[in-house]
Amino acid sequence: MGTGPCRRQMEASLQELKSSQRMVPRAVHLPNCDRKGFYKRKQCKPSRGRKRGLCWCVDKYGMKLPGTDYLSGDLQCHLIPEGS
């Protein structure tokens, strides 16, 4: 896997998890990365029980695309232009 910004964020989050005293710190987000280490278009928080986690769309650098928070259904980030 590459060493893009997503990969660096994931490694920092994993280090935070390792050093944490809690079992599962809720504030830690593990990003969804591509093979080159950049962010995949769709990012989601983990689900809790039967409640689906919030998803949103980002560009390859992890910058959130405005108006893309989505709780249910299947968010189609690949259909949203990066410049929106």
N, C-alpha and C. Protein backbone atom coordinates (compact mmCIF):
# COMPACT_ATOMS: atom_id res chain seq x y z
N MET A 1 0.85 -1.19 0.00
CA MET A 1 0.00 0.00 0.00
C MET A 1 0.89 1.24 0.00
N GLY A 2 0.47 2.27 -0.70
CA GLY A 2 1.23 3.51 -0.81
C GLY A 2 1.24 4.30 0.49
N THR A 3 1.96 5.41 0.46
CA THR A 3 2.08 6.22 1.67
C THR A 3 1.40 7.57 1.51
N GLY A 4 0.25 7.60 0.87
CA GLY A 4 -0.52 8.83 0.70
C GLY A 4 -1.09 9.31 2.02
N PRO A 5 -1.85 10.41 1.99
CA PRO A 5 -2.38 11.03 3.21
C PRO A 5 -3.33 10.13 4.00
N CYS A 6 -4.09 9.31 3.32
CA CYS A 6 -5.02 8.41 4.02
C CYS A 6 -4.24 7.36 4.79
N ARG A 7 -3.24 6.80 4.15
CA ARG A 7 -2.43 5.77 4.81
C ARG A 7 -1.73 6.34 6.06
N ARG A 8 -1.24 7.56 5.96
CA ARG A 8 -0.59 8.19 7.12
C ARG A 8 -1.60 8.41 8.24
N GLN A 9 -2.83 8.83 7.90
CA GLN A 9 -3.87 9.01 8.91
C GLN A 9 -4.24 7.68 9.56
N MET A 10 -4.32 6.63 8.76
CA MET A 10 -4.67 5.32 9.30
C MET A 10 -3.59 4.85 10.28
N GLU A 11 -2.33 5.02 9.92
CA GLU A 11 -1.25 4.59 10.80
C GLU A 11 -1.26 5.39 12.11
N ALA A 12 -1.55 6.70 12.03
CA ALA A 12 -1.64 7.51 13.24
C ALA A 12 -2.81 7.05 14.12
N SER A 13 -3.94 6.72 13.50
CA SER A 13 -5.11 6.25 14.26
C SER A 13 -4.83 4.90 14.92
N LEU A 14 -4.13 4.03 14.21
CA LEU A 14 -3.79 2.72 14.78
C LEU A 14 -2.84 2.88 15.96
N GLN A 15 -1.89 3.80 15.86
CA GLN A 15 -0.99 4.08 16.98
C GLN A 15 -1.78 4.60 18.18
N GLU A 16 -2.75 5.48 17.92
CA GLU A 16 -3.59 6.01 18.99
C GLU A 16 -4.38 4.89 19.67
N LEU A 17 -4.90 3.96 18.86
CA LEU A 17 -5.62 2.82 19.44
C LEU A 17 -4.71 1.96 20.30
N LYS A 18 -3.49 1.72 19.84
CA LYS A 18 -2.54 0.89 20.60
C LYS A 18 -2.20 1.51 21.95
N SER A 19 -2.07 2.83 21.99
CA SER A 19 -1.67 3.50 23.22
C SER A 19 -2.84 3.87 24.12
N SER A 20 -4.06 3.66 23.64
CA SER A 20 -5.24 4.04 24.42
C SER A 20 -5.49 3.04 25.54
N GLN A 21 -5.99 3.56 26.65
CA GLN A 21 -6.34 2.72 27.80
C GLN A 21 -7.72 2.10 27.64
N ARG A 22 -8.56 2.69 26.78
CA ARG A 22 -9.92 2.18 26.59
C ARG A 22 -9.93 1.05 25.57
N MET A 23 -10.94 0.23 25.66
CA MET A 23 -11.08 -0.90 24.72
C MET A 23 -11.29 -0.40 23.28
N VAL A 24 -12.31 0.45 23.08
CA VAL A 24 -12.61 0.97 21.75
C VAL A 24 -12.89 2.46 21.87
N PRO A 25 -11.88 3.29 21.70
CA PRO A 25 -12.13 4.73 21.78
C PRO A 25 -13.04 5.19 20.64
N ARG A 26 -14.12 5.87 20.98
CA ARG A 26 -15.10 6.29 19.97
C ARG A 26 -14.58 7.41 19.07
N ALA A 27 -13.60 8.17 19.55
CA ALA A 27 -13.12 9.32 18.79
C ALA A 27 -12.18 8.93 17.65
N VAL A 28 -11.72 7.68 17.62
CA VAL A 28 -10.76 7.26 16.59
C VAL A 28 -11.50 6.83 15.34
N HIS A 29 -11.15 7.45 14.22
CA HIS A 29 -11.75 7.09 12.93
C HIS A 29 -10.68 6.42 12.06
N LEU A 30 -10.96 5.23 11.58
CA LEU A 30 -10.06 4.56 10.64
C LEU A 30 -10.55 4.86 9.23
N PRO A 31 -9.77 5.60 8.46
CA PRO A 31 -10.22 5.98 7.12
C PRO A 31 -10.20 4.81 6.15
N ASN A 32 -10.95 4.96 5.07
CA ASN A 32 -11.04 3.98 4.01
C ASN A 32 -10.07 4.42 2.90
N CYS A 33 -8.98 3.68 2.73
CA CYS A 33 -7.91 4.09 1.81
C CYS A 33 -7.86 3.20 0.56
N ASP A 34 -7.34 3.78 -0.52
CA ASP A 34 -7.10 2.99 -1.73
C ASP A 34 -5.68 2.41 -1.68
N ARG A 35 -5.29 1.69 -2.72
CA ARG A 35 -3.99 1.02 -2.74
C ARG A 35 -2.81 1.98 -2.74
N LYS A 36 -3.04 3.20 -3.25
CA LYS A 36 -1.95 4.18 -3.30
C LYS A 36 -1.84 5.00 -2.02
N GLY A 37 -2.75 4.75 -1.07
CA GLY A 37 -2.70 5.45 0.21
C GLY A 37 -3.52 6.72 0.24
N PHE A 38 -4.32 6.96 -0.80
CA PHE A 38 -5.21 8.11 -0.82
C PHE A 38 -6.59 7.69 -0.32
N TYR A 39 -7.43 8.67 -0.02
CA TYR A 39 -8.77 8.38 0.49
C TYR A 39 -9.68 7.86 -0.61
N LYS A 40 -10.46 6.82 -0.28
CA LYS A 40 -11.53 6.40 -1.18
C LYS A 40 -12.64 7.43 -1.07
N ARG A 41 -13.44 7.55 -2.13
CA ARG A 41 -14.47 8.61 -2.20
C ARG A 41 -15.48 8.52 -1.06
N LYS A 42 -15.82 7.31 -0.63
CA LYS A 42 -16.84 7.14 0.41
C LYS A 42 -16.18 6.78 1.74
N GLN A 43 -16.49 7.57 2.77
CA GLN A 43 -16.00 7.32 4.11
C GLN A 43 -17.22 7.13 5.01
N CYS A 44 -17.11 6.24 5.99
CA CYS A 44 -18.22 5.99 6.90
C CYS A 44 -17.72 5.79 8.32
N LYS A 45 -18.55 6.22 9.28
CA LYS A 45 -18.31 5.87 10.66
C LYS A 45 -18.86 4.47 10.85
N PRO A 46 -18.34 3.73 11.84
CA PRO A 46 -18.86 2.37 12.05
C PRO A 46 -20.31 2.39 12.52
N SER A 47 -21.03 1.33 12.18
CA SER A 47 -22.41 1.22 12.63
C SER A 47 -22.43 0.81 14.10
N ARG A 48 -23.54 1.11 14.75
CA ARG A 48 -23.73 0.72 16.15
C ARG A 48 -24.96 -0.15 16.23
N GLY A 49 -24.76 -1.42 16.46
CA GLY A 49 -25.89 -2.33 16.51
C GLY A 49 -26.60 -2.35 15.17
N ARG A 50 -27.88 -2.01 15.18
CA ARG A 50 -28.65 -2.00 13.94
C ARG A 50 -28.65 -0.63 13.27
N LYS A 51 -28.04 0.36 13.90
CA LYS A 51 -28.02 1.71 13.36
C LYS A 51 -26.79 1.89 12.46
N ARG A 52 -27.03 2.20 11.20
CA ARG A 52 -25.95 2.38 10.24
C ARG A 52 -25.16 3.65 10.55
N GLY A 53 -23.87 3.60 10.35
CA GLY A 53 -23.03 4.77 10.59
C GLY A 53 -23.19 5.82 9.52
N LEU A 54 -22.91 7.06 9.88
CA LEU A 54 -22.97 8.18 8.95
C LEU A 54 -21.89 8.02 7.88
N CYS A 55 -22.25 8.25 6.63
CA CYS A 55 -21.28 8.22 5.53
C CYS A 55 -21.21 9.59 4.86
N TRP A 56 -20.10 9.87 4.22
CA TRP A 56 -19.91 11.13 3.51
C TRP A 56 -18.91 10.90 2.39
N CYS A 57 -18.82 11.84 1.48
CA CYS A 57 -17.91 11.74 0.34
C CYS A 57 -16.74 12.70 0.52
N VAL A 58 -15.58 12.28 0.06
CA VAL A 58 -14.37 13.10 0.15
C VAL A 58 -13.62 13.06 -1.18
N ASP A 59 -12.67 14.00 -1.33
CA ASP A 59 -11.76 13.91 -2.48
C ASP A 59 -10.60 12.99 -2.07
N LYS A 60 -9.64 12.79 -2.95
CA LYS A 60 -8.57 11.83 -2.66
C LYS A 60 -7.66 12.27 -1.52
N TYR A 61 -7.75 13.56 -1.12
CA TYR A 61 -6.96 14.06 -0.01
C TYR A 61 -7.72 14.07 1.31
N GLY A 62 -8.97 13.58 1.29
CA GLY A 62 -9.76 13.48 2.51
C GLY A 62 -10.61 14.70 2.81
N MET A 63 -10.65 15.66 1.90
CA MET A 63 -11.47 16.86 2.12
C MET A 63 -12.94 16.51 1.82
N LYS A 64 -13.81 16.75 2.80
CA LYS A 64 -15.22 16.41 2.66
C LYS A 64 -15.88 17.24 1.56
N LEU A 65 -16.67 16.57 0.73
CA LEU A 65 -17.43 17.26 -0.30
C LEU A 65 -18.72 17.76 0.34
N PRO A 66 -19.05 19.05 0.18
CA PRO A 66 -20.20 19.64 0.87
C PRO A 66 -21.52 18.95 0.53
N GLY A 67 -22.36 18.85 1.56
CA GLY A 67 -23.71 18.32 1.37
C GLY A 67 -23.78 16.83 1.13
N THR A 68 -22.79 16.07 1.61
CA THR A 68 -22.79 14.63 1.32
C THR A 68 -22.99 13.75 2.55
N ASP A 69 -23.39 14.31 3.71
CA ASP A 69 -23.70 13.46 4.86
C ASP A 69 -24.93 12.63 4.53
N TYR A 70 -24.87 11.34 4.84
CA TYR A 70 -25.96 10.46 4.45
C TYR A 70 -26.08 9.32 5.45
N LEU A 71 -27.28 9.08 5.98
CA LEU A 71 -27.46 8.05 7.00
C LEU A 71 -28.03 6.74 6.48
N SER A 72 -28.84 6.77 5.45
CA SER A 72 -29.47 5.52 5.03
C SER A 72 -29.32 5.33 3.52
N GLY A 73 -29.51 4.11 3.10
CA GLY A 73 -29.37 3.82 1.68
C GLY A 73 -27.91 3.74 1.27
N ASP A 74 -27.66 3.80 -0.01
CA ASP A 74 -26.31 3.64 -0.53
C ASP A 74 -25.86 4.96 -1.15
N LEU A 75 -24.95 5.64 -0.49
CA LEU A 75 -24.42 6.91 -0.98
C LEU A 75 -23.50 6.65 -2.17
N GLN A 76 -23.80 7.27 -3.30
CA GLN A 76 -23.06 7.05 -4.54
C GLN A 76 -22.03 8.17 -4.76
N CYS A 77 -20.94 8.12 -4.05
CA CYS A 77 -19.93 9.18 -4.11
C CYS A 77 -19.29 9.30 -5.49
N HIS A 78 -19.19 8.22 -6.22
CA HIS A 78 -18.57 8.27 -7.54
C HIS A 78 -19.38 9.11 -8.53
N LEU A 79 -20.65 9.40 -8.19
CA LEU A 79 -21.49 10.21 -9.07
C LEU A 79 -21.39 11.70 -8.78
N ILE A 80 -20.73 12.06 -7.67
CA ILE A 80 -20.61 13.46 -7.27
C ILE A 80 -19.28 14.02 -7.77
N PRO A 81 -19.32 15.10 -8.56
CA PRO A 81 -18.06 15.68 -9.04
C PRO A 81 -17.23 16.22 -7.88
N GLU A 82 -15.90 16.07 -7.96
CA GLU A 82 -15.02 16.52 -6.88
C GLU A 82 -15.10 18.02 -6.65
N GLY A 83 -15.37 18.80 -7.65
CA GLY A 83 -15.40 20.24 -7.51
C GLY A 83 -16.68 20.80 -6.93
N SER A 84 -17.63 19.94 -6.52
CA SER A 84 -18.92 20.44 -6.04
C SER A 84 -18.86 20.91 -4.61
